[in-house]
C-alpha cells in the first residue's frame, strides 16, 4: 500500500501518516490499533525503529 492509501484508510493527512512512519510523531492508540488490524502485525513491531545499514556501523 502507498502512504496515501494508508492515510486514507486511517482518515489522516498523508503528511501526518509519514510523520508516524519516521517517528516524528507518536500517534494515538486508535491509530496503532487500526494499523495492527490493517497489516496483521503487532503494533510493537510496527513501532520499532529500523535504521539503515549506514546507521548501524
Protein backbone atom coordinates (compact mmCIF):
# COMPACT_ATOMS: atom_id res chain seq x y z
CA UNK A 1 0.00 0.00 0.00
CA UNK A 2 1.12 3.54 -0.60
CA UNK A 3 1.42 6.03 2.23
CA UNK A 4 -1.55 7.89 0.77
CA UNK A 5 -3.68 4.72 0.78
CA UNK A 6 -2.83 4.02 4.42
CA UNK A 7 -3.51 7.63 5.38
CA UNK A 8 -6.89 7.45 3.61
CA UNK A 9 -7.70 4.20 5.44
CA UNK A 10 -6.91 5.91 8.74
CA UNK A 11 -8.67 9.13 7.81
CA UNK A 12 -5.46 11.14 8.21
CA UNK A 13 -3.50 13.50 6.02
CA UNK A 14 -0.58 11.79 4.26
CA UNK A 15 1.89 14.19 5.89
CA UNK A 16 0.70 13.15 9.36
CA UNK A 17 0.99 9.46 8.48
CA UNK A 18 4.52 10.00 7.15
CA UNK A 19 5.48 11.62 10.45
CA UNK A 20 4.28 8.46 12.24
CA UNK A 21 6.44 6.30 9.98
CA UNK A 22 9.54 8.37 10.67
CA UNK A 23 8.91 8.50 14.42
CA UNK A 24 8.48 12.26 14.33
CA UNK A 25 5.06 11.82 15.97
CA UNK A 26 3.83 9.16 18.35
CA UNK A 27 0.21 8.91 17.24
CA UNK A 28 -2.87 7.88 19.21
CA UNK A 29 -3.60 4.36 20.36
CA UNK A 30 -6.53 4.05 17.94
CA UNK A 31 -4.19 4.70 15.01
CA UNK A 32 -1.84 1.89 16.07
CA UNK A 33 -4.82 -0.41 16.66
CA UNK A 34 -6.06 0.21 13.12
CA UNK A 35 -2.57 -0.25 11.63
CA UNK A 36 -2.23 -3.51 13.54
CA UNK A 37 -5.51 -4.73 12.03
CA UNK A 38 -4.64 -3.50 8.54
CA UNK A 39 -1.21 -5.11 8.33
CA UNK A 40 -1.87 -8.04 10.69
CA UNK A 41 1.33 -7.16 12.54
CA UNK A 42 1.54 -6.43 16.27
CA UNK A 43 1.85 -2.72 16.90
CA UNK A 44 5.03 -3.21 18.93
CA UNK A 45 6.66 -4.44 15.74
CA UNK A 46 5.13 -1.61 13.73
CA UNK A 47 6.58 0.96 16.14
CA UNK A 48 10.12 -0.42 16.03
CA UNK A 49 12.73 1.86 14.53
CA UNK A 50 14.80 0.18 11.85
CA UNK A 51 17.94 2.04 10.95
CA UNK A 52 19.65 1.78 7.59
CA UNK A 53 22.93 -0.10 7.25
CA UNK A 54 24.86 3.17 7.36
CA UNK A 55 23.37 3.93 10.80
CA UNK A 56 24.32 0.50 12.18
CA UNK A 57 28.05 0.92 11.71
